[in-house]
Amino acid sequence: MTRILTRRDLLAVLDPSTCLQALRDGFHHAPSGTTPGQRVRTDLPFPGTATALLPGLLPGIHAYTVKVNAKFPGARPALRGVICLHSGRDGELLALLDSATVTAWRTGLAAALGTDRLAAPDPQGVAALGVIGAGAQAELTLLGLRELRRWGELTVYDTDPQRAAAFASRHGGRTADSAAEVAAHATIVLMATWSRTPLLGLADVRPGHHLTSLGADEPGKQELAADLLDAALLTVDDRVLAAATGALANAGLPAEAADATLGEILRHEHPGRTQPEDITVYAPVGLPWQDLALAWIAYQEAERRAVGTTVDLLLE
């Protein structure tokens, strides 16, 4: 039997704290896997792209994922797709999960981990937070970050002023008229846009800034200028992938331009930020094992609570 988990089902079974721990564990243990993940992307004869991530693997989980996404920037939601969770024992299709929900959760929560680890310590929770791009990824990053640290004033910018105002209202913040205005007010900046031209450069930031850039996840998308990436302590999730299709590639920088991966920092193989005045950037692309980490949690909890619908796809 295959369990089908919709967005509503996933929101019923996923818990931010549990998912954050699973992602943290994944960054610690994923390098011990023997099969590297692949990311395949193609343009379409329509106003969108098709992307597949496979296989999602983690040590200790006898299952794997294959994710297929459609990205159509003009649609709402802009990302739609499915994650197939297969048994590692015999290939049985254990579950079909809404990809938009799992992707938003794993991307946003992993971004929260990177943001908290790289931003300057703030025991009093007074550092100003900025959001550029008031969509689902920013929502989930705030959800995860709320589990890890407090912050002070929130400033929000989006190309859609109404969406920015609604986001700011939900989270007790204020709106700005530009990305540069957000950076001028905030010490920690979260970016999740479809931009194909840099929104911020080195001249827009100051010592001590941290920036998390989620938008550069495929060719042509660029939120931060090359001079800022080059000057910052730059952390990615995977050097090769970032240089092939992520923030490094789109800024014309080689894999060596990344100072560290988040896994290296979480495993204490790299110190990360060492001075309060460091400028730090986290610019991930997204890795297949992250899909498995959350899909496995959702599947197990859905099985336990009988959430979702089961079907026999092999029924004759």
C-alpha atoms as a PDB file:
ATOM      1  CA  MET A   1       0.000   0.000   0.000  1.00  0.00           C
ATOM      2  CA  THR A   2       1.094   3.566  -0.748  1.00  0.00           C
ATOM      3  CA  ARG A   3       0.240   6.368   1.676  1.00  0.00           C
ATOM      4  CA  ILE A   4      -0.670   9.687   0.031  1.00  0.00           C
ATOM      5  CA  LEU A   5       0.121  12.736   2.132  1.00  0.00           C
ATOM      6  CA  THR A   6      -1.320  16.086   1.113  1.00  0.00           C
ATOM      7  CA  ARG A   7      -0.262  19.498   2.356  1.00  0.00           C
ATOM      8  CA  ARG A   8      -2.911  19.313   5.075  1.00  0.00           C
ATOM      9  CA  ASP A   9      -1.674  15.873   6.139  1.00  0.00           C
ATOM     10  CA  LEU A  10       1.935  17.011   6.255  1.00  0.00           C
ATOM     11  CA  LEU A  11       1.140  20.064   8.355  1.00  0.00           C
ATOM     12  CA  ALA A  12      -0.627  17.737  10.792  1.00  0.00           C
ATOM     13  CA  VAL A  13       2.376  15.433  11.271  1.00  0.00           C
ATOM     14  CA  LEU A  14       5.440  17.671  10.898  1.00  0.00           C
ATOM     15  CA  ASP A  15       6.926  19.383  13.948  1.00  0.00           C
ATOM     16  CA  PRO A  16       9.590  22.126  13.604  1.00  0.00           C
ATOM     17  CA  SER A  17      11.733  20.937  16.514  1.00  0.00           C
ATOM     18  CA  THR A  18      11.800  17.323  15.344  1.00  0.00           C
ATOM     19  CA  CYS A  19      12.555  18.360  11.760  1.00  0.00           C
ATOM     20  CA  LEU A  20      15.355  20.704  12.837  1.00  0.00           C
ATOM     21  CA  GLN A  21      16.998  17.871  14.758  1.00  0.00           C
ATOM     22  CA  ALA A  22      16.681  15.530  11.773  1.00  0.00           C
ATOM     23  CA  LEU A  23      18.305  18.096   9.495  1.00  0.00           C
ATOM     24  CA  ARG A  24      21.054  18.784  12.023  1.00  0.00           C
ATOM     25  CA  ASP A  25      21.747  15.050  12.245  1.00  0.00           C
ATOM     26  CA  GLY A  26      21.722  14.827   8.454  1.00  0.00           C
ATOM     27  CA  PHE A  27      24.401  17.499   8.097  1.00  0.00           C
ATOM     28  CA  HIS A  28      26.504  15.498  10.558  1.00  0.00           C
ATOM     29  CA  HIS A  29      26.045  12.097   8.897  1.00  0.00           C
ATOM     30  CA  ALA A  30      25.245  12.650   5.203  1.00  0.00           C
ATOM     31  CA  PRO A  31      28.944  12.645   4.132  1.00  0.00           C
ATOM     32  CA  SER A  32      29.217   8.995   5.224  1.00  0.00           C
ATOM     33  CA  GLY A  33      26.753   7.992   2.512  1.00  0.00           C
ATOM     34  CA  THR A  34      28.240   6.217  -0.517  1.00  0.00           C
ATOM     35  CA  THR A  35      25.895   7.450  -3.257  1.00  0.00           C
ATOM     36  CA  PRO A  36      26.038  11.168  -4.084  1.00  0.00           C
ATOM     37  CA  GLY A  37      22.755  12.892  -4.779  1.00  0.00           C
ATOM     38  CA  GLN A  38      21.964  14.259  -8.209  1.00  0.00           C
ATOM     39  CA  ARG A  39      20.035  17.357  -9.237  1.00  0.00           C
ATOM     40  CA  VAL A  40      18.650  17.327 -12.789  1.00  0.00           C
ATOM     41  CA  ARG A  41      17.015  20.416 -14.254  1.00  0.00           C
ATOM     42  CA  THR A  42      15.658  21.236 -17.681  1.00  0.00           C
ATOM     43  CA  ASP A  43      13.924  24.162 -19.338  1.00  0.00           C
ATOM     44  CA  LEU A  44      10.479  23.529 -20.774  1.00  0.00           C
ATOM     45  CA  PRO A  45       8.638  24.867 -23.856  1.00  0.00           C
ATOM     46  CA  PHE A  46       6.366  26.570 -21.300  1.00  0.00           C
ATOM     47  CA  PRO A  47       7.102  29.381 -18.810  1.00  0.00           C
ATOM     48  CA  GLY A  48       8.661  27.022 -16.269  1.00  0.00           C
ATOM     49  CA  THR A  49      11.286  24.398 -15.490  1.00  0.00           C
ATOM     50  CA  ALA A  50      11.326  20.750 -14.430  1.00  0.00           C
ATOM     51  CA  THR A  51      13.667  19.578 -11.668  1.00  0.00           C
ATOM     52  CA  ALA A  52      14.382  16.149 -10.186  1.00  0.00           C
ATOM     53  CA  LEU A  53      16.418  15.373  -7.054  1.00  0.00           C
ATOM     54  CA  LEU A  54      17.521  11.784  -6.506  1.00  0.00           C
ATOM     55  CA  PRO A  55      18.258   9.681  -4.630  1.00  0.00           C
ATOM     56  CA  GLY A  56      17.625  11.069  -1.170  1.00  0.00           C
ATOM     57  CA  LEU A  57      19.714   8.846   1.119  1.00  0.00           C
ATOM     58  CA  LEU A  58      20.795   8.957   4.749  1.00  0.00           C
ATOM     59  CA  PRO A  59      22.704   6.400   6.840  1.00  0.00           C
ATOM     60  CA  GLY A  60      20.349   4.462   9.086  1.00  0.00           C
ATOM     61  CA  ILE A  61      17.215   4.994   6.981  1.00  0.00           C
ATOM     62  CA  HIS A  62      16.395   2.016   4.772  1.00  0.00           C
ATOM     63  CA  ALA A  63      14.463   4.063   2.245  1.00  0.00           C
ATOM     64  CA  TYR A  64      15.155   6.669  -0.424  1.00  0.00           C
ATOM     65  CA  THR A  65      13.358   9.542  -2.120  1.00  0.00           C
ATOM     66  CA  VAL A  66      12.936  10.737  -5.676  1.00  0.00           C
ATOM     67  CA  LYS A  67      11.531  14.269  -6.028  1.00  0.00           C
ATOM     68  CA  VAL A  68      10.046  15.762  -9.180  1.00  0.00           C
ATOM     69  CA  ASN A  69       9.170  19.471  -9.183  1.00  0.00           C
ATOM     70  CA  ALA A  70       7.636  21.909 -11.622  1.00  0.00           C
ATOM     71  CA  LYS A  71       8.649  25.552 -11.123  1.00  0.00           C
ATOM     72  CA  PHE A  72       6.432  28.122 -12.813  1.00  0.00           C
ATOM     73  CA  PRO A  73       7.296  31.585 -11.397  1.00  0.00           C
ATOM     74  CA  GLY A  74       4.014  33.145 -12.529  1.00  0.00           C
ATOM     75  CA  ALA A  75       1.833  30.519 -10.844  1.00  0.00           C
ATOM     76  CA  ARG A  76       0.561  30.377  -7.280  1.00  0.00           C
ATOM     77  CA  PRO A  77       2.006  28.256  -5.845  1.00  0.00           C
ATOM     78  CA  ALA A  78       5.083  28.578  -8.024  1.00  0.00           C
ATOM     79  CA  LEU A  79       6.377  25.125  -7.083  1.00  0.00           C
ATOM     80  CA  ARG A  80       4.335  21.941  -7.435  1.00  0.00           C
ATOM     81  CA  GLY A  81       5.404  18.347  -7.433  1.00  0.00           C
ATOM     82  CA  VAL A  82       5.632  15.055  -5.626  1.00  0.00           C
ATOM     83  CA  ILE A  83       8.156  13.193  -3.500  1.00  0.00           C
ATOM     84  CA  CYS A  84       8.217   9.425  -3.920  1.00  0.00           C
ATOM     85  CA  LEU A  85       9.373   7.558  -0.818  1.00  0.00           C
ATOM     86  CA  HIS A  86      10.596   4.058  -1.675  1.00  0.00           C
ATOM     87  CA  SER A  87      11.567   1.150   0.534  1.00  0.00           C
ATOM     88  CA  GLY A  88      15.256   0.299   0.416  1.00  0.00           C
ATOM     89  CA  ARG A  89      14.379  -3.357   0.904  1.00  0.00           C
ATOM     90  CA  ASP A  90      12.343  -4.029  -2.246  1.00  0.00           C
ATOM     91  CA  GLY A  91      11.598  -0.644  -3.837  1.00  0.00           C
ATOM     92  CA  GLU A  92       7.985  -0.570  -2.624  1.00  0.00           C
ATOM     93  CA  LEU A  93       6.451   2.886  -3.043  1.00  0.00           C
ATOM     94  CA  LEU A  94       5.755   3.666   0.608  1.00  0.00           C
ATOM     95  CA  ALA A  95       4.376   7.162   0.171  1.00  0.00           C
ATOM     96  CA  LEU A  96       3.629  10.023  -2.197  1.00  0.00           C
ATOM     97  CA  LEU A  97       4.083  13.387  -0.481  1.00  0.00           C
ATOM     98  CA  ASP A  98       3.269  16.929  -1.587  1.00  0.00           C
ATOM     99  CA  SER A  99       6.642  18.282  -2.658  1.00  0.00           C
ATOM    100  CA  ALA A 100       5.870  21.976  -2.174  1.00  0.00           C
ATOM    101  CA  THR A 101       5.269  21.472   1.542  1.00  0.00           C
ATOM    102  CA  VAL A 102       8.263  19.216   2.189  1.00  0.00           C
ATOM    103  CA  THR A 103      10.535  21.461   0.106  1.00  0.00           C
ATOM    104  CA  ALA A 104       9.435  24.598   1.943  1.00  0.00           C
ATOM    105  CA  TRP A 105       9.968  22.934   5.322  1.00  0.00           C
ATOM    106  CA  ARG A 106      13.341  21.365   4.639  1.00  0.00           C
ATOM    107  CA  THR A 107      14.682  24.470   2.846  1.00  0.00           C
ATOM    108  CA  GLY A 108      13.392  26.936   5.408  1.00  0.00           C
ATOM    109  CA  LEU A 109      14.430  24.928   8.451  1.00  0.00           C
ATOM    110  CA  ALA A 110      17.889  24.144   7.034  1.00  0.00           C
ATOM    111  CA  ALA A 111      18.237  27.875   6.323  1.00  0.00           C
ATOM    112  CA  ALA A 112      17.323  28.570   9.946  1.00  0.00           C
ATOM    113  CA  LEU A 113      20.108  26.222  11.091  1.00  0.00           C
ATOM    114  CA  GLY A 114      22.640  27.973   8.874  1.00  0.00           C
ATOM    115  CA  THR A 115      21.445  31.425   9.878  1.00  0.00           C
ATOM    116  CA  ASP A 116      21.614  30.689  13.590  1.00  0.00           C
ATOM    117  CA  ARG A 117      25.051  29.091  13.337  1.00  0.00           C
ATOM    118  CA  LEU A 118      26.617  31.858  11.230  1.00  0.00           C
ATOM    119  CA  ALA A 119      24.976  35.024  12.556  1.00  0.00           C
ATOM    120  CA  ALA A 120      26.664  36.689  15.495  1.00  0.00           C
ATOM    121  CA  PRO A 121      25.550  35.413  18.918  1.00  0.00           C
ATOM    122  CA  ASP A 122      22.767  37.572  20.342  1.00  0.00           C
ATOM    123  CA  PRO A 123      21.846  36.401  23.872  1.00  0.00           C
ATOM    124  CA  GLN A 124      19.539  39.374  24.430  1.00  0.00           C
ATOM    125  CA  GLY A 125      17.655  38.799  21.177  1.00  0.00           C
ATOM    126  CA  VAL A 126      17.900  42.407  20.058  1.00  0.00           C
ATOM    127  CA  ALA A 127      19.480  42.005  16.602  1.00  0.00           C
ATOM    128  CA  ALA A 128      17.250  43.382  13.848  1.00  0.00           C
ATOM    129  CA  LEU A 129      15.987  40.845  11.304  1.00  0.00           C
ATOM    130  CA  GLY A 130      15.237  41.555   7.653  1.00  0.00           C
ATOM    131  CA  VAL A 131      13.257  39.564   5.103  1.00  0.00           C
ATOM    132  CA  ILE A 132      13.562  40.086   1.351  1.00  0.00           C
ATOM    133  CA  GLY A 133      10.943  38.010  -0.442  1.00  0.00           C
ATOM    134  CA  ALA A 134       7.856  37.426   1.699  1.00  0.00           C
ATOM    135  CA  GLY A 135       6.899  33.963   0.458  1.00  0.00           C
ATOM    136  CA  ALA A 136       6.639  30.423   1.806  1.00  0.00           C
ATOM    137  CA  GLN A 137      10.389  29.964   2.245  1.00  0.00           C
ATOM    138  CA  ALA A 138      10.689  33.061   4.406  1.00  0.00           C
ATOM    139  CA  GLU A 139       7.733  31.886   6.511  1.00  0.00           C
ATOM    140  CA  LEU A 140       9.363  28.522   7.170  1.00  0.00           C
ATOM    141  CA  THR A 141      12.762  30.057   7.876  1.00  0.00           C
ATOM    142  CA  LEU A 142      11.175  32.266  10.534  1.00  0.00           C
ATOM    143  CA  LEU A 143       9.347  29.236  11.918  1.00  0.00           C
ATOM    144  CA  GLY A 144      12.655  27.406  12.327  1.00  0.00           C
ATOM    145  CA  LEU A 145      14.597  30.420  13.526  1.00  0.00           C
ATOM    146  CA  ARG A 146      12.002  31.015  16.237  1.00  0.00           C
ATOM    147  CA  GLU A 147      13.023  27.635  17.687  1.00  0.00           C
ATOM    148  CA  LEU A 148      16.681  28.684  17.784  1.00  0.00           C
ATOM    149  CA  ARG A 149      16.917  32.357  18.742  1.00  0.00           C
ATOM    150  CA  ARG A 150      15.035  35.587  19.367  1.00  0.00           C
ATOM    151  CA  TRP A 151      15.362  38.815  17.388  1.00  0.00           C
ATOM    152  CA  GLY A 152      14.410  42.463  17.625  1.00  0.00           C
ATOM    153  CA  GLU A 153      12.803  44.620  14.961  1.00  0.00           C
ATOM    154  CA  LEU A 154      11.624  42.924  11.745  1.00  0.00           C
ATOM    155  CA  THR A 155      11.745  44.696   8.368  1.00  0.00           C
ATOM    156  CA  VAL A 156      10.178  43.176   5.234  1.00  0.00           C
ATOM    157  CA  TYR A 157      10.472  43.914   1.516  1.00  0.00           C
ATOM    158  CA  ASP A 158       8.764  42.188  -1.400  1.00  0.00           C
ATOM    159  CA  THR A 159       8.121  43.260  -4.982  1.00  0.00           C
ATOM    160  CA  ASP A 160       4.444  42.848  -4.086  1.00  0.00           C
ATOM    161  CA  PRO A 161       3.789  45.544  -1.430  1.00  0.00           C
ATOM    162  CA  GLN A 162       0.564  43.873  -0.283  1.00  0.00           C
ATOM    163  CA  ARG A 163       2.336  40.581   0.334  1.00  0.00           C
ATOM    164  CA  ALA A 164       5.090  42.391   2.246  1.00  0.00           C
ATOM    165  CA  ALA A 165       2.505  44.204   4.368  1.00  0.00           C
ATOM    166  CA  ALA A 166       0.631  40.977   5.145  1.00  0.00           C
ATOM    167  CA  PHE A 167       3.887  39.209   6.113  1.00  0.00           C
ATOM    168  CA  ALA A 168       4.952  42.113   8.323  1.00  0.00           C
ATOM    169  CA  SER A 169       1.531  42.174   9.974  1.00  0.00           C
ATOM    170  CA  ARG A 170       1.634  38.436  10.733  1.00  0.00           C
ATOM    171  CA  HIS A 171       5.056  38.696  12.339  1.00  0.00           C
ATOM    172  CA  GLY A 172       4.908  42.084  14.032  1.00  0.00           C
ATOM    173  CA  GLY A 173       7.222  43.905  11.619  1.00  0.00           C
ATOM    174  CA  ARG A 174       7.367  46.887   9.303  1.00  0.00           C
ATOM    175  CA  THR A 175       7.790  47.163   5.536  1.00  0.00           C
ATOM    176  CA  ALA A 176      10.584  48.705   3.482  1.00  0.00           C
ATOM    177  CA  ASP A 177      10.668  50.102  -0.039  1.00  0.00           C
ATOM    178  CA  SER A 178      13.764  48.225  -1.233  1.00  0.00           C
ATOM    179  CA  ALA A 179      16.169  45.414  -0.479  1.00  0.00           C
ATOM    180  CA  ALA A 180      18.863  47.967   0.330  1.00  0.00           C
ATOM    181  CA  GLU A 181      16.584  49.559   2.937  1.00  0.00           C
ATOM    182  CA  VAL A 182      16.129  46.177   4.600  1.00  0.00           C
ATOM    183  CA  ALA A 183      19.903  45.683   4.754  1.00  0.00           C
ATOM    184  CA  ALA A 184      20.336  49.176   6.201  1.00  0.00           C
ATOM    185  CA  HIS A 185      17.995  48.355   9.094  1.00  0.00           C
ATOM    186  CA  ALA A 186      18.751  44.664   9.748  1.00  0.00           C
ATOM    187  CA  THR A 187      21.790  42.789  11.030  1.00  0.00           C
ATOM    188  CA  ILE A 188      20.461  39.405   9.872  1.00  0.00           C
ATOM    189  CA  VAL A 189      18.918  39.291   6.394  1.00  0.00           C
ATOM    190  CA  LEU A 190      16.902  36.396   4.936  1.00  0.00           C
ATOM    191  CA  MET A 191      16.477  36.400   1.143  1.00  0.00           C
ATOM    192  CA  ALA A 192      14.136  34.121  -0.798  1.00  0.00           C
ATOM    193  CA  THR A 193      13.294  35.599  -4.196  1.00  0.00           C
ATOM    194  CA  TRP A 194      13.219  34.784  -7.916  1.00  0.00           C
ATOM    195  CA  SER A 195      15.675  37.593  -8.694  1.00  0.00           C
ATOM    196  CA  ARG A 196      18.013  37.233 -11.661  1.00  0.00           C
ATOM    197  CA  THR A 197      19.965  40.397 -10.869  1.00  0.00           C
ATOM    198  CA  PRO A 198      21.801  41.014  -7.582  1.00  0.00           C
ATOM    199  CA  LEU A 199      19.674  42.732  -4.961  1.00  0.00           C
ATOM    200  CA  LEU A 200      22.557  43.503  -2.597  1.00  0.00           C
ATOM    201  CA  GLY A 201      26.265  44.133  -3.066  1.00  0.00           C
ATOM    202  CA  LEU A 202      29.175  44.762  -0.739  1.00  0.00           C
ATOM    203  CA  ALA A 203      28.329  48.466  -0.507  1.00  0.00           C
ATOM    204  CA  ASP A 204      24.920  47.575   0.970  1.00  0.00           C
ATOM    205  CA  VAL A 205      26.215  45.703   4.015  1.00  0.00           C
ATOM    206  CA  ARG A 206      28.318  46.535   7.050  1.00  0.00           C
ATOM    207  CA  PRO A 207      30.623  44.621   9.404  1.00  0.00           C
ATOM    208  CA  GLY A 208      28.760  42.013  11.438  1.00  0.00           C
ATOM    209  CA  HIS A 209      26.045  41.407   8.855  1.00  0.00           C
ATOM    210  CA  HIS A 210      24.764  37.910   8.147  1.00  0.00           C
ATOM    211  CA  LEU A 211      22.836  37.103   4.960  1.00  0.00           C
ATOM    212  CA  THR A 212      21.069  33.875   4.027  1.00  0.00           C
ATOM    213  CA  SER A 213      20.317  33.626   0.310  1.00  0.00           C
ATOM    214  CA  LEU A 214      17.833  30.945  -0.771  1.00  0.00           C
ATOM    215  CA  GLY A 215      16.997  32.264  -4.225  1.00  0.00           C
ATOM    216  CA  ALA A 216      20.080  31.125  -6.147  1.00  0.00           C
ATOM    217  CA  ASP A 217      18.968  27.513  -6.478  1.00  0.00           C
ATOM    218  CA  GLU A 218      19.137  27.160 -10.263  1.00  0.00           C
ATOM    219  CA  PRO A 219      21.006  28.728 -13.202  1.00  0.00           C
ATOM    220  CA  GLY A 220      20.449  32.441 -13.743  1.00  0.00           C
ATOM    221  CA  LYS A 221      19.076  33.273 -10.291  1.00  0.00           C
ATOM    222  CA  GLN A 222      21.252  35.658  -8.281  1.00  0.00           C
ATOM    223  CA  GLU A 223      20.454  37.626  -5.129  1.00  0.00           C
ATOM    224  CA  LEU A 224      23.954  38.677  -4.011  1.00  0.00           C
ATOM    225  CA  ALA A 225      26.668  40.335  -6.102  1.00  0.00           C
ATOM    226  CA  ALA A 226      30.041  38.687  -6.639  1.00  0.00           C
ATOM    227  CA  ASP A 227      31.913  41.358  -4.633  1.00  0.00           C
ATOM    228  CA  LEU A 228      29.797  40.582  -1.552  1.00  0.00           C
ATOM    229  CA  LEU A 229      30.169  36.807  -1.912  1.00  0.00           C
ATOM    230  CA  ASP A 230      33.918  37.206  -2.390  1.00  0.00           C
ATOM    231  CA  ALA A 231      34.355  39.436   0.675  1.00  0.00           C
ATOM    232  CA  ALA A 232      32.159  37.423   3.023  1.00  0.00           C
ATOM    233  CA  LEU A 233      32.810  34.224   4.919  1.00  0.00           C
ATOM    234  CA  LEU A 234      30.794  32.217   2.409  1.00  0.00           C
ATOM    235  CA  THR A 235      29.131  28.950   3.410  1.00  0.00           C
ATOM    236  CA  VAL A 236      27.195  26.629   1.078  1.00  0.00           C
ATOM    237  CA  ASP A 237      25.586  23.223   1.481  1.00  0.00           C
ATOM    238  CA  ASP A 238      27.614  21.598  -1.322  1.00  0.00           C
ATOM    239  CA  ARG A 239      30.585  23.236  -3.087  1.00  0.00           C
ATOM    240  CA  VAL A 240      30.278  21.339  -6.362  1.00  0.00           C
ATOM    241  CA  LEU A 241      26.560  21.962  -6.670  1.00  0.00           C
ATOM    242  CA  ALA A 242      26.873  25.641  -5.707  1.00  0.00           C
ATOM    243  CA  ALA A 243      29.546  26.079  -8.391  1.00  0.00           C
ATOM    244  CA  ALA A 244      27.496  24.245 -11.000  1.00  0.00           C
ATOM    245  CA  THR A 245      24.033  25.709 -10.503  1.00  0.00           C
ATOM    246  CA  GLY A 246      23.908  27.857  -7.353  1.00  0.00           C
ATOM    247  CA  ALA A 247      25.153  31.155  -5.966  1.00  0.00           C
ATOM    248  CA  LEU A 248      28.773  30.577  -7.009  1.00  0.00           C
ATOM    249  CA  ALA A 249      27.923  29.655 -10.588  1.00  0.00           C
ATOM    250  CA  ASN A 250      25.583  32.592 -11.076  1.00  0.00           C
ATOM    251  CA  ALA A 251      28.189  35.034  -9.753  1.00  0.00           C
ATOM    252  CA  GLY A 252      30.959  33.521 -11.892  1.00  0.00           C
ATOM    253  CA  LEU A 253      32.879  32.171  -8.896  1.00  0.00           C
ATOM    254  CA  PRO A 254      34.603  28.772  -8.579  1.00  0.00           C
ATOM    255  CA  ALA A 255      33.881  26.122  -5.974  1.00  0.00           C
ATOM    256  CA  GLU A 256      36.995  27.238  -4.079  1.00  0.00           C
ATOM    257  CA  ALA A 257      35.315  30.583  -3.344  1.00  0.00           C
ATOM    258  CA  ALA A 258      33.192  28.853  -0.697  1.00  0.00           C
ATOM    259  CA  ASP A 259      34.970  28.985   2.647  1.00  0.00           C
ATOM    260  CA  ALA A 260      32.982  26.146   4.191  1.00  0.00           C
ATOM    261  CA  THR A 261      29.936  23.935   3.978  1.00  0.00           C
ATOM    262  CA  LEU A 262      27.307  24.015   6.702  1.00  0.00           C
ATOM    263  CA  GLY A 263      28.085  20.367   7.420  1.00  0.00           C
ATOM    264  CA  GLU A 264      31.741  21.215   8.054  1.00  0.00           C
ATOM    265  CA  ILE A 265      30.735  23.953  10.478  1.00  0.00           C
ATOM    266  CA  LEU A 266      28.187  21.823  12.337  1.00  0.00           C
ATOM    267  CA  ARG A 267      30.757  19.001  12.592  1.00  0.00           C
ATOM    268  CA  HIS A 268      33.302  21.546  13.947  1.00  0.00           C
ATOM    269  CA  GLU A 269      35.624  20.992  11.003  1.00  0.00           C
ATOM    270  CA  HIS A 270      35.463  24.742  10.266  1.00  0.00           C
ATOM    271  CA  PRO A 271      34.997  27.448  12.914  1.00  0.00           C
ATOM    272  CA  GLY A 272      32.510  29.537  10.940  1.00  0.00           C
ATOM    273  CA  ARG A 273      32.228  33.101  12.210  1.00  0.00           C
ATOM    274  CA  THR A 274      35.177  33.938  14.479  1.00  0.00           C
ATOM    275  CA  GLN A 275      34.818  37.718  14.904  1.00  0.00           C
ATOM    276  CA  PRO A 276      31.770  39.930  15.599  1.00  0.00           C
ATOM    277  CA  GLU A 277      32.662  42.105  12.617  1.00  0.00           C
ATOM    278  CA  ASP A 278      32.776  39.206  10.122  1.00  0.00           C
ATOM    279  CA  ILE A 279      30.334  39.393   7.219  1.00  0.00           C
ATOM    280  CA  THR A 280      28.837  35.943   6.714  1.00  0.00           C
ATOM    281  CA  VAL A 281      26.696  34.461   3.952  1.00  0.00           C
ATOM    282  CA  TYR A 282      24.857  31.150   3.775  1.00  0.00           C
ATOM    283  CA  ALA A 283      23.859  30.311   0.191  1.00  0.00           C
ATOM    284  CA  PRO A 284      22.503  26.745  -0.133  1.00  0.00           C
ATOM    285  CA  VAL A 285      21.060  25.024  -3.189  1.00  0.00           C
ATOM    286  CA  GLY A 286      19.207  22.161  -1.464  1.00  0.00           C
ATOM    287  CA  LEU A 287      20.217  18.485  -1.264  1.00  0.00           C
ATOM    288  CA  PRO A 288      18.278  15.258  -1.889  1.00  0.00           C
ATOM    289  CA  TRP A 289      18.970  13.801   1.569  1.00  0.00           C
ATOM    290  CA  GLN A 290      17.039  16.711   3.103  1.00  0.00           C
ATOM    291  CA  ASP A 291      13.897  15.510   1.311  1.00  0.00           C
ATOM    292  CA  LEU A 292      14.358  12.051   2.806  1.00  0.00           C
ATOM    293  CA  ALA A 293      14.979  13.404   6.310  1.00  0.00           C
ATOM    294  CA  LEU A 294      11.572  15.092   6.453  1.00  0.00           C
ATOM    295  CA  ALA A 295       9.671  12.615   4.267  1.00  0.00           C
ATOM    296  CA  TRP A 296      10.707   9.780   6.580  1.00  0.00           C
ATOM    297  CA  ILE A 297       9.533  11.677   9.666  1.00  0.00           C
ATOM    298  CA  ALA A 298       6.213  12.471   7.993  1.00  0.00           C
ATOM    299  CA  TYR A 299       5.695   8.914   6.787  1.00  0.00           C
ATOM    300  CA  GLN A 300       6.442   7.318  10.151  1.00  0.00           C
ATOM    301  CA  GLU A 301       4.171   9.702  12.034  1.00  0.00           C
ATOM    302  CA  ALA A 302       1.407   9.335   9.432  1.00  0.00           C
ATOM    303  CA  GLU A 303       1.632   5.558   9.739  1.00  0.00           C
ATOM    304  CA  ARG A 304       1.446   5.775  13.508  1.00  0.00           C
ATOM    305  CA  ARG A 305      -1.567   8.089  13.467  1.00  0.00           C
ATOM    306  CA  ALA A 306      -3.251   6.747  10.298  1.00  0.00           C
ATOM    307  CA  VAL A 307      -3.051  10.174   8.630  1.00  0.00           C
ATOM    308  CA  GLY A 308      -3.549  10.439   4.870  1.00  0.00           C
ATOM    309  CA  THR A 309      -5.042   8.100   2.301  1.00  0.00           C
ATOM    310  CA  THR A 310      -3.747   4.664   1.338  1.00  0.00           C
ATOM    311  CA  VAL A 311      -4.057   3.208  -2.149  1.00  0.00           C
ATOM    312  CA  ASP A 312      -2.836   0.092  -3.886  1.00  0.00           C
ATOM    313  CA  LEU A 313      -1.236   1.334  -7.098  1.00  0.00           C
ATOM    314  CA  LEU A 314      -0.626  -2.261  -8.191  1.00  0.00           C
ATOM    315  CA  LEU A 315      -4.273  -3.208  -7.964  1.00  0.00           C
ATOM    316  CA  GLU A 316      -5.324  -5.071 -11.081  1.00  0.00           C
END
